[in-house]
Amino acid sequence: MRVFPSLSIAGVVLGAGLAATPASAAVASWTDWLSGSPTSATGSLLVGSTTVGVTYSGPTLFVQTGAGSDTNYWVPSAPYISGTVSNAPPGTDIVA
């Protein structure tokens, strides 16, 4: 019996496709900005159960650190959620 290579390859591709798990969006870790100046910002990032320090160096227009009167630019959250990222930034923190 003669086996055609293209049929064998098609079977492997089909089998691999059936075994693949469906793609889903990942939860993003967002920085909690704690302080800022015209040239830098510092904050923390929770990745799983580990807190990581974050520092941005460069020009800023403003830095929001989440005070009660700050504007929440992340509302509505829909524009920040996609097939890749399942969660929008949680608060008002922003570096511009």
PDB file of N, CA and C in Angstrom:
ATOM      1  N   MET A   1       0.835  -1.172   0.000  1.00  0.00           N
ATOM      2  CA  MET A   1       0.000   0.000   0.000  1.00  0.00           C
ATOM      3  C   MET A   1       0.881   1.237   0.000  1.00  0.00           C
ATOM      4  N   ARG A   2       0.526   2.192  -0.815  1.00  0.00           N
ATOM      5  CA  ARG A   2       1.313   3.414  -0.943  1.00  0.00           C
ATOM      6  C   ARG A   2       0.670   4.514  -0.100  1.00  0.00           C
ATOM      7  N   VAL A   3       1.455   5.173   0.760  1.00  0.00           N
ATOM      8  CA  VAL A   3       0.960   6.271   1.601  1.00  0.00           C
ATOM      9  C   VAL A   3       1.474   7.568   1.019  1.00  0.00           C
ATOM     10  N   PHE A   4       0.597   8.480   0.794  1.00  0.00           N
ATOM     11  CA  PHE A   4       0.988   9.778   0.255  1.00  0.00           C
ATOM     12  C   PHE A   4       1.431  10.680   1.400  1.00  0.00           C
ATOM     13  N   PRO A   5       2.610  11.305   1.273  1.00  0.00           N
ATOM     14  CA  PRO A   5       3.122  12.155   2.351  1.00  0.00           C
ATOM     15  C   PRO A   5       2.157  13.259   2.754  1.00  0.00           C
ATOM     16  N   SER A   6       1.452  13.847   1.800  1.00  0.00           N
ATOM     17  CA  SER A   6       0.554  14.946   2.150  1.00  0.00           C
ATOM     18  C   SER A   6      -0.589  14.464   3.044  1.00  0.00           C
ATOM     19  N   LEU A   7      -1.050  13.246   2.850  1.00  0.00           N
ATOM     20  CA  LEU A   7      -2.099  12.718   3.708  1.00  0.00           C
ATOM     21  C   LEU A   7      -1.568  12.443   5.112  1.00  0.00           C
ATOM     22  N   SER A   8      -0.344  11.965   5.214  1.00  0.00           N
ATOM     23  CA  SER A   8       0.256  11.713   6.529  1.00  0.00           C
ATOM     24  C   SER A   8       0.431  13.013   7.285  1.00  0.00           C
ATOM     25  N   ILE A   9       0.916  14.045   6.612  1.00  0.00           N
ATOM     26  CA  ILE A   9       1.108  15.347   7.254  1.00  0.00           C
ATOM     27  C   ILE A   9      -0.238  15.918   7.688  1.00  0.00           C
ATOM     28  N   ALA A  10      -1.244  15.793   6.842  1.00  0.00           N
ATOM     29  CA  ALA A  10      -2.567  16.306   7.195  1.00  0.00           C
ATOM     30  C   ALA A  10      -3.099  15.602   8.433  1.00  0.00           C
ATOM     31  N   GLY A  11      -2.871  14.302   8.561  1.00  0.00           N
ATOM     32  CA  GLY A  11      -3.317  13.569   9.744  1.00  0.00           C
ATOM     33  C   GLY A  11      -2.632  14.041  11.003  1.00  0.00           C
ATOM     34  N   VAL A  12      -1.359  14.311  10.917  1.00  0.00           N
ATOM     35  CA  VAL A  12      -0.609  14.804  12.079  1.00  0.00           C
ATOM     36  C   VAL A  12      -1.105  16.185  12.478  1.00  0.00           C
ATOM     37  N   VAL A  13      -1.320  17.058  11.490  1.00  0.00           N
ATOM     38  CA  VAL A  13      -1.797  18.411  11.791  1.00  0.00           C
ATOM     39  C   VAL A  13      -3.191  18.337  12.407  1.00  0.00           C
ATOM     40  N   LEU A  14      -4.073  17.526  11.857  1.00  0.00           N
ATOM     41  CA  LEU A  14      -5.407  17.380  12.404  1.00  0.00           C
ATOM     42  C   LEU A  14      -5.358  16.837  13.827  1.00  0.00           C
ATOM     43  N   GLY A  15      -4.542  15.843  14.080  1.00  0.00           N
ATOM     44  CA  GLY A  15      -4.401  15.272  15.414  1.00  0.00           C
ATOM     45  C   GLY A  15      -3.875  16.292  16.411  1.00  0.00           C
ATOM     46  N   ALA A  16      -2.904  17.095  15.991  1.00  0.00           N
ATOM     47  CA  ALA A  16      -2.353  18.117  16.877  1.00  0.00           C
ATOM     48  C   ALA A  16      -3.402  19.173  17.192  1.00  0.00           C
ATOM     49  N   GLY A  17      -4.213  19.519  16.203  1.00  0.00           N
ATOM     50  CA  GLY A  17      -5.260  20.511  16.417  1.00  0.00           C
ATOM     51  C   GLY A  17      -6.302  20.029  17.401  1.00  0.00           C
ATOM     52  N   LEU A  18      -6.642  18.758  17.352  1.00  0.00           N
ATOM     53  CA  LEU A  18      -7.628  18.211  18.279  1.00  0.00           C
ATOM     54  C   LEU A  18      -7.093  18.133  19.697  1.00  0.00           C
ATOM     55  N   ALA A  19      -5.789  17.969  19.840  1.00  0.00           N
ATOM     56  CA  ALA A  19      -5.181  17.847  21.158  1.00  0.00           C
ATOM     57  C   ALA A  19      -4.895  19.201  21.800  1.00  0.00           C
ATOM     58  N   ALA A  20      -4.926  20.274  21.020  1.00  0.00           N
ATOM     59  CA  ALA A  20      -4.588  21.602  21.545  1.00  0.00           C
ATOM     60  C   ALA A  20      -5.678  22.084  22.494  1.00  0.00           C
ATOM     61  N   THR A  21      -5.266  22.833  23.513  1.00  0.00           N
ATOM     62  CA  THR A  21      -6.227  23.413  24.440  1.00  0.00           C
ATOM     63  C   THR A  21      -6.659  24.775  23.913  1.00  0.00           C
ATOM     64  N   PRO A  22      -7.866  25.198  24.207  1.00  0.00           N
ATOM     65  CA  PRO A  22      -8.318  26.493  23.722  1.00  0.00           C
ATOM     66  C   PRO A  22      -7.535  27.626  24.378  1.00  0.00           C
ATOM     67  N   ALA A  23      -7.318  28.702  23.613  1.00  0.00           N
ATOM     68  CA  ALA A  23      -6.589  29.861  24.126  1.00  0.00           C
ATOM     69  C   ALA A  23      -7.494  30.653  25.058  1.00  0.00           C
ATOM     70  N   SER A  24      -6.898  31.255  26.083  1.00  0.00           N
ATOM     71  CA  SER A  24      -7.668  32.106  26.977  1.00  0.00           C
ATOM     72  C   SER A  24      -6.811  33.294  27.387  1.00  0.00           C
ATOM     73  N   ALA A  25      -7.467  34.348  27.799  1.00  0.00           N
ATOM     74  CA  ALA A  25      -6.770  35.560  28.194  1.00  0.00           C
ATOM     75  C   ALA A  25      -6.075  35.366  29.537  1.00  0.00           C
ATOM     76  N   ALA A  26      -4.937  36.011  29.682  1.00  0.00           N
ATOM     77  CA  ALA A  26      -4.168  35.942  30.924  1.00  0.00           C
ATOM     78  C   ALA A  26      -4.509  37.130  31.813  1.00  0.00           C
ATOM     79  N   VAL A  27      -4.341  36.961  33.109  1.00  0.00           N
ATOM     80  CA  VAL A  27      -4.523  38.052  34.058  1.00  0.00           C
ATOM     81  C   VAL A  27      -3.241  38.866  34.074  1.00  0.00           C
ATOM     82  N   ALA A  28      -3.356  40.166  33.837  1.00  0.00           N
ATOM     83  CA  ALA A  28      -2.193  41.056  33.826  1.00  0.00           C
ATOM     84  C   ALA A  28      -1.919  41.563  35.241  1.00  0.00           C
ATOM     85  N   SER A  29      -0.647  41.806  35.538  1.00  0.00           N
ATOM     86  CA  SER A  29      -0.264  42.436  36.796  1.00  0.00           C
ATOM     87  C   SER A  29      -0.078  43.922  36.520  1.00  0.00           C
ATOM     88  N   TRP A  30      -0.722  44.772  37.294  1.00  0.00           N
ATOM     89  CA  TRP A  30      -0.666  46.216  37.089  1.00  0.00           C
ATOM     90  C   TRP A  30       0.108  46.868  38.233  1.00  0.00           C
ATOM     91  N   THR A  31       0.882  47.903  37.918  1.00  0.00           N
ATOM     92  CA  THR A  31       1.687  48.599  38.921  1.00  0.00           C
ATOM     93  C   THR A  31       0.825  49.484  39.803  1.00  0.00           C
ATOM     94  N   ASP A  32       1.078  49.431  41.096  1.00  0.00           N
ATOM     95  CA  ASP A  32       0.488  50.353  42.068  1.00  0.00           C
ATOM     96  C   ASP A  32       1.508  51.473  42.239  1.00  0.00           C
ATOM     97  N   TRP A  33       1.277  52.605  41.565  1.00  0.00           N
ATOM     98  CA  TRP A  33       2.228  53.713  41.638  1.00  0.00           C
ATOM     99  C   TRP A  33       2.114  54.379  42.997  1.00  0.00           C
ATOM    100  N   LEU A  34       3.251  54.547  43.685  1.00  0.00           N
ATOM    101  CA  LEU A  34       3.271  55.059  45.056  1.00  0.00           C
ATOM    102  C   LEU A  34       3.755  56.498  45.160  1.00  0.00           C
ATOM    103  N   SER A  35       4.644  56.913  44.242  1.00  0.00           N
ATOM    104  CA  SER A  35       5.141  58.293  44.257  1.00  0.00           C
ATOM    105  C   SER A  35       5.648  58.655  42.877  1.00  0.00           C
ATOM    106  N   GLY A  36       5.736  59.971  42.632  1.00  0.00           N
ATOM    107  CA  GLY A  36       6.217  60.402  41.329  1.00  0.00           C
ATOM    108  C   GLY A  36       6.721  61.825  41.350  1.00  0.00           C
ATOM    109  N   SER A  37       7.454  62.173  40.314  1.00  0.00           N
ATOM    110  CA  SER A  37       8.003  63.508  40.143  1.00  0.00           C
ATOM    111  C   SER A  37       8.013  63.808  38.642  1.00  0.00           C
ATOM    112  N   PRO A  38       8.465  64.977  38.228  1.00  0.00           N
ATOM    113  CA  PRO A  38       8.534  65.264  36.792  1.00  0.00           C
ATOM    114  C   PRO A  38       9.515  64.368  36.017  1.00  0.00           C
ATOM    115  N   THR A  39      10.364  63.623  36.720  1.00  0.00           N
ATOM    116  CA  THR A  39      11.358  62.799  36.020  1.00  0.00           C
ATOM    117  C   THR A  39      11.350  61.325  36.405  1.00  0.00           C
ATOM    118  N   SER A  40      10.430  60.892  37.302  1.00  0.00           N
ATOM    119  CA  SER A  40      10.433  59.481  37.692  1.00  0.00           C
ATOM    120  C   SER A  40       9.149  59.111  38.429  1.00  0.00           C
ATOM    121  N   ALA A  41       8.950  57.815  38.594  1.00  0.00           N
ATOM    122  CA  ALA A  41       7.843  57.295  39.391  1.00  0.00           C
ATOM    123  C   ALA A  41       8.284  55.970  39.993  1.00  0.00           C
ATOM    124  N   THR A  42       7.791  55.672  41.183  1.00  0.00           N
ATOM    125  CA  THR A  42       8.096  54.395  41.826  1.00  0.00           C
ATOM    126  C   THR A  42       6.794  53.758  42.291  1.00  0.00           C
ATOM    127  N   GLY A  43       6.810  52.440  42.327  1.00  0.00           N
ATOM    128  CA  GLY A  43       5.624  51.727  42.754  1.00  0.00           C
ATOM    129  C   GLY A  43       5.945  50.282  43.039  1.00  0.00           C
ATOM    130  N   SER A  44       4.897  49.474  43.135  1.00  0.00           N
ATOM    131  CA  SER A  44       5.069  48.048  43.378  1.00  0.00           C
ATOM    132  C   SER A  44       4.120  47.280  42.474  1.00  0.00           C
ATOM    133  N   LEU A  45       4.489  46.051  42.224  1.00  0.00           N
ATOM    134  CA  LEU A  45       3.750  45.179  41.324  1.00  0.00           C
ATOM    135  C   LEU A  45       3.608  43.834  42.010  1.00  0.00           C
ATOM    136  N   LEU A  46       2.392  43.339  42.133  1.00  0.00           N
ATOM    137  CA  LEU A  46       2.160  42.037  42.743  1.00  0.00           C
ATOM    138  C   LEU A  46       2.054  41.005  41.627  1.00  0.00           C
ATOM    139  N   VAL A  47       2.993  40.078  41.574  1.00  0.00           N
ATOM    140  CA  VAL A  47       3.010  39.009  40.584  1.00  0.00           C
ATOM    141  C   VAL A  47       2.812  37.703  41.340  1.00  0.00           C
ATOM    142  N   GLY A  48       1.612  37.138  41.226  1.00  0.00           N
ATOM    143  CA  GLY A  48       1.285  35.975  42.052  1.00  0.00           C
ATOM    144  C   GLY A  48       1.249  36.423  43.497  1.00  0.00           C
ATOM    145  N   SER A  49       2.132  35.890  44.323  1.00  0.00           N
ATOM    146  CA  SER A  49       2.221  36.307  45.722  1.00  0.00           C
ATOM    147  C   SER A  49       3.518  37.068  46.004  1.00  0.00           C
ATOM    148  N   THR A  50       4.232  37.465  44.950  1.00  0.00           N
ATOM    149  CA  THR A  50       5.504  38.165  45.100  1.00  0.00           C
ATOM    150  C   THR A  50       5.347  39.643  44.748  1.00  0.00           C
ATOM    151  N   THR A  51       5.798  40.528  45.644  1.00  0.00           N
ATOM    152  CA  THR A  51       5.790  41.960  45.384  1.00  0.00           C
ATOM    153  C   THR A  51       7.121  42.364  44.773  1.00  0.00           C
ATOM    154  N   VAL A  52       7.050  43.081  43.651  1.00  0.00           N
ATOM    155  CA  VAL A  52       8.245  43.508  42.932  1.00  0.00           C
ATOM    156  C   VAL A  52       8.256  45.035  42.896  1.00  0.00           C
ATOM    157  N   GLY A  53       9.396  45.657  43.225  1.00  0.00           N
ATOM    158  CA  GLY A  53       9.538  47.100  43.136  1.00  0.00           C
ATOM    159  C   GLY A  53       9.645  47.537  41.686  1.00  0.00           C
ATOM    160  N   VAL A  54       9.006  48.662  41.352  1.00  0.00           N
ATOM    161  CA  VAL A  54       9.011  49.189  39.988  1.00  0.00           C
ATOM    162  C   VAL A  54       9.491  50.627  40.031  1.00  0.00           C
ATOM    163  N   THR A  55      10.402  50.971  39.118  1.00  0.00           N
ATOM    164  CA  THR A  55      10.870  52.346  38.986  1.00  0.00           C
ATOM    165  C   THR A  55      10.822  52.750  37.534  1.00  0.00           C
ATOM    166  N   TYR A  56      10.224  53.911  37.261  1.00  0.00           N
ATOM    167  CA  TYR A  56      10.220  54.489  35.919  1.00  0.00           C
ATOM    168  C   TYR A  56      11.081  55.730  35.959  1.00  0.00           C
ATOM    169  N   SER A  57      11.999  55.863  35.009  1.00  0.00           N
ATOM    170  CA  SER A  57      12.833  57.062  34.901  1.00  0.00           C
ATOM    171  C   SER A  57      12.619  57.662  33.522  1.00  0.00           C
ATOM    172  N   GLY A  58      12.279  58.927  33.496  1.00  0.00           N
ATOM    173  CA  GLY A  58      12.025  59.627  32.247  1.00  0.00           C
ATOM    174  C   GLY A  58      11.037  60.743  32.508  1.00  0.00           C
ATOM    175  N   PRO A  59      10.777  61.537  31.499  1.00  0.00           N
ATOM    176  CA  PRO A  59       9.863  62.659  31.707  1.00  0.00           C
ATOM    177  C   PRO A  59       8.429  62.183  31.974  1.00  0.00           C
ATOM    178  N   THR A  60       7.734  62.879  32.845  1.00  0.00           N
ATOM    179  CA  THR A  60       6.320  62.598  33.107  1.00  0.00           C
ATOM    180  C   THR A  60       5.535  63.904  32.993  1.00  0.00           C
ATOM    181  N   LEU A  61       4.297  63.803  32.552  1.00  0.00           N
ATOM    182  CA  LEU A  61       3.396  64.948  32.578  1.00  0.00           C
ATOM    183  C   LEU A  61       2.733  65.026  33.945  1.00  0.00           C
ATOM    184  N   PHE A  62       2.341  63.862  34.462  1.00  0.00           N
ATOM    185  CA  PHE A  62       1.816  63.772  35.820  1.00  0.00           C
ATOM    186  C   PHE A  62       1.850  62.323  36.267  1.00  0.00           C
ATOM    187  N   VAL A  63       1.794  62.137  37.593  1.00  0.00           N
ATOM    188  CA  VAL A  63       1.744  60.796  38.184  1.00  0.00           C
ATOM    189  C   VAL A  63       0.595  60.790  39.174  1.00  0.00           C
ATOM    190  N   GLN A  64      -0.343  59.861  39.005  1.00  0.00           N
ATOM    191  CA  GLN A  64      -1.440  59.671  39.955  1.00  0.00           C
ATOM    192  C   GLN A  64      -1.123  58.451  40.791  1.00  0.00           C
ATOM    193  N   THR A  65      -1.248  58.581  42.104  1.00  0.00           N
ATOM    194  CA  THR A  65      -0.918  57.473  42.998  1.00  0.00           C
ATOM    195  C   THR A  65      -2.138  56.874  43.690  1.00  0.00           C
ATOM    196  N   GLY A  66      -3.325  57.195  43.229  1.00  0.00           N
ATOM    197  CA  GLY A  66      -4.516  56.552  43.785  1.00  0.00           C
ATOM    198  C   GLY A  66      -5.173  57.253  44.944  1.00  0.00           C
ATOM    199  N   ALA A  67      -4.977  58.550  45.077  1.00  0.00           N
ATOM    200  CA  ALA A  67      -5.661  59.293  46.136  1.00  0.00           C
ATOM    201  C   ALA A  67      -7.162  59.277  45.855  1.00  0.00           C
ATOM    202  N   GLY A  68      -7.966  59.455  46.885  1.00  0.00           N
ATOM    203  CA  GLY A  68      -9.412  59.370  46.763  1.00  0.00           C
ATOM    204  C   GLY A  68     -10.025  60.274  45.716  1.00  0.00           C
ATOM    205  N   SER A  69      -9.446  61.421  45.457  1.00  0.00           N
ATOM    206  CA  SER A  69     -10.021  62.372  44.502  1.00  0.00           C
ATOM    207  C   SER A  69      -9.468  62.209  43.080  1.00  0.00           C
ATOM    208  N   ASP A  70      -8.570  61.251  42.858  1.00  0.00           N
ATOM    209  CA  ASP A  70      -7.986  61.052  41.531  1.00  0.00           C
ATOM    210  C   ASP A  70      -9.028  60.522  40.548  1.00  0.00           C
ATOM    211  N   THR A  71      -8.878  60.898  39.289  1.00  0.00           N
ATOM    212  CA  THR A  71      -9.764  60.428  38.223  1.00  0.00           C
ATOM    213  C   THR A  71      -9.397  59.008  37.839  1.00  0.00           C
ATOM    214  N   ASN A  72     -10.393  58.137  37.708  1.00  0.00           N
ATOM    215  CA  ASN A  72     -10.144  56.772  37.268  1.00  0.00           C
ATOM    216  C   ASN A  72     -10.307  56.727  35.751  1.00  0.00           C
ATOM    217  N   TYR A  73      -9.177  56.783  35.040  1.00  0.00           N
ATOM    218  CA  TYR A  73      -9.175  56.780  33.582  1.00  0.00           C
ATOM    219  C   TYR A  73      -9.463  55.393  33.007  1.00  0.00           C
ATOM    220  N   TRP A  74      -9.517  54.373  33.822  1.00  0.00           N
ATOM    221  CA  TRP A  74      -9.697  52.994  33.361  1.00  0.00           C
ATOM    222  C   TRP A  74     -11.167  52.572  33.324  1.00  0.00           C
ATOM    223  N   VAL A  75     -12.098  53.520  33.503  1.00  0.00           N
ATOM    224  CA  VAL A  75     -13.527  53.212  33.460  1.00  0.00           C
ATOM    225  C   VAL A  75     -14.095  53.814  32.180  1.00  0.00           C
ATOM    226  N   PRO A  76     -14.807  53.084  31.380  1.00  0.00           N
ATOM    227  CA  PRO A  76     -15.134  51.674  31.552  1.00  0.00           C
ATOM    228  C   PRO A  76     -13.936  50.783  31.256  1.00  0.00           C
ATOM    229  N   SER A  77     -13.944  49.593  31.805  1.00  0.00           N
ATOM    230  CA  SER A  77     -12.793  48.698  31.662  1.00  0.00           C
ATOM    231  C   SER A  77     -12.735  47.992  30.317  1.00  0.00           C
ATOM    232  N   ALA A  78     -13.828  47.970  29.571  1.00  0.00           N
ATOM    233  CA  ALA A  78     -13.901  47.212  28.309  1.00  0.00           C
ATOM    234  C   ALA A  78     -12.763  47.507  27.322  1.00  0.00           C
ATOM    235  N   PRO A  79     -12.334  48.753  27.118  1.00  0.00           N
ATOM    236  CA  PRO A  79     -11.262  48.969  26.130  1.00  0.00           C
ATOM    237  C   PRO A  79      -9.919  48.341  26.516  1.00  0.00           C
ATOM    238  N   TYR A  80      -9.741  47.988  27.781  1.00  0.00           N
ATOM    239  CA  TYR A  80      -8.459  47.467  28.255  1.00  0.00           C
ATOM    240  C   TYR A  80      -8.449  45.948  28.356  1.00  0.00           C
ATOM    241  N   ILE A  81      -9.579  45.319  28.080  1.00  0.00           N
ATOM    242  CA  ILE A  81      -9.708  43.865  28.152  1.00  0.00           C
ATOM    243  C   ILE A  81      -9.750  43.318  26.735  1.00  0.00           C
ATOM    244  N   SER A  82      -9.069  42.181  26.518  1.00  0.00           N
ATOM    245  CA  SER A  82      -9.018  41.599  25.175  1.00  0.00           C
ATOM    246  C   SER A  82      -8.887  40.088  25.284  1.00  0.00           C
ATOM    247  N   GLY A  83      -8.674  39.452  24.155  1.00  0.00           N
ATOM    248  CA  GLY A  83      -8.420  38.025  24.147  1.00  0.00           C
ATOM    249  C   GLY A  83      -7.084  37.683  24.770  1.00  0.00           C
ATOM    250  N   THR A  84      -6.220  38.679  24.942  1.00  0.00           N
ATOM    251  CA  THR A  84      -4.899  38.474  25.526  1.00  0.00           C
ATOM    252  C   THR A  84      -4.878  38.814  27.013  1.00  0.00           C
ATOM    253  N   VAL A  85      -5.587  39.874  27.406  1.00  0.00           N
ATOM    254  CA  VAL A  85      -5.586  40.343  28.793  1.00  0.00           C
ATOM    255  C   VAL A  85      -7.019  40.333  29.309  1.00  0.00           C
ATOM    256  N   SER A  86      -7.240  39.676  30.451  1.00  0.00           N
ATOM    257  CA  SER A  86      -8.610  39.515  30.961  1.00  0.00           C
ATOM    258  C   SER A  86      -9.013  40.531  32.024  1.00  0.00           C
ATOM    259  N   ASN A  87      -8.103  41.400  32.435  1.00  0.00           N
ATOM    260  CA  ASN A  87      -8.444  42.357  33.491  1.00  0.00           C
ATOM    261  C   ASN A  87      -7.863  43.737  33.195  1.00  0.00           C
ATOM    262  N   ALA A  88      -8.654  44.754  33.474  1.00  0.00           N
ATOM    263  CA  ALA A  88      -8.218  46.137  33.293  1.00  0.00           C
ATOM    264  C   ALA A  88      -7.456  46.594  34.534  1.00  0.00           C
ATOM    265  N   PRO A  89      -6.739  47.733  34.449  1.00  0.00           N
ATOM    266  CA  PRO A  89      -6.098  48.262  35.653  1.00  0.00           C
ATOM    267  C   PRO A  89      -7.152  48.478  36.748  1.00  0.00           C
ATOM    268  N   PRO A  90      -6.817  48.159  38.008  1.00  0.00           N
ATOM    269  CA  PRO A  90      -7.818  48.163  39.065  1.00  0.00           C
ATOM    270  C   PRO A  90      -8.123  49.514  39.701  1.00  0.00           C
ATOM    271  N   GLY A  91      -7.308  50.516  39.497  1.00  0.00           N
ATOM    272  CA  GLY A  91      -7.515  51.759  40.226  1.00  0.00           C
ATOM    273  C   GLY A  91      -7.202  52.987  39.404  1.00  0.00           C
ATOM    274  N   THR A  92      -6.895  54.033  40.096  1.00  0.00           N
ATOM    275  CA  THR A  92      -6.685  55.334  39.436  1.00  0.00           C
ATOM    276  C   THR A  92      -5.224  55.624  39.133  1.00  0.00           C
ATOM    277  N   ASP A  93      -4.318  54.723  39.501  1.00  0.00           N
ATOM    278  CA  ASP A  93      -2.899  54.973  39.315  1.00  0.00           C
ATOM    279  C   ASP A  93      -2.545  55.087  37.832  1.00  0.00           C
ATOM    280  N   ILE A  94      -1.727  56.105  37.506  1.00  0.00           N
ATOM    281  CA  ILE A  94      -1.318  56.306  36.120  1.00  0.00           C
ATOM    282  C   ILE A  94      -0.059  57.161  36.072  1.00  0.00           C
ATOM    283  N   VAL A  95       0.781  56.889  35.107  1.00  0.00           N
ATOM    284  CA  VAL A  95       1.925  57.741  34.806  1.00  0.00           C
ATOM    285  C   VAL A  95       1.727  58.209  33.367  1.00  0.00           C
ATOM    286  N   ALA A  96       1.736  59.525  33.189  1.00  0.00           N
ATOM    287  CA  ALA A  96       1.555  60.085  31.847  1.00  0.00           C
ATOM    288  C   ALA A  96       2.775  60.901  31.472  1.00  0.00           C
TER     289      ALA A  96
END
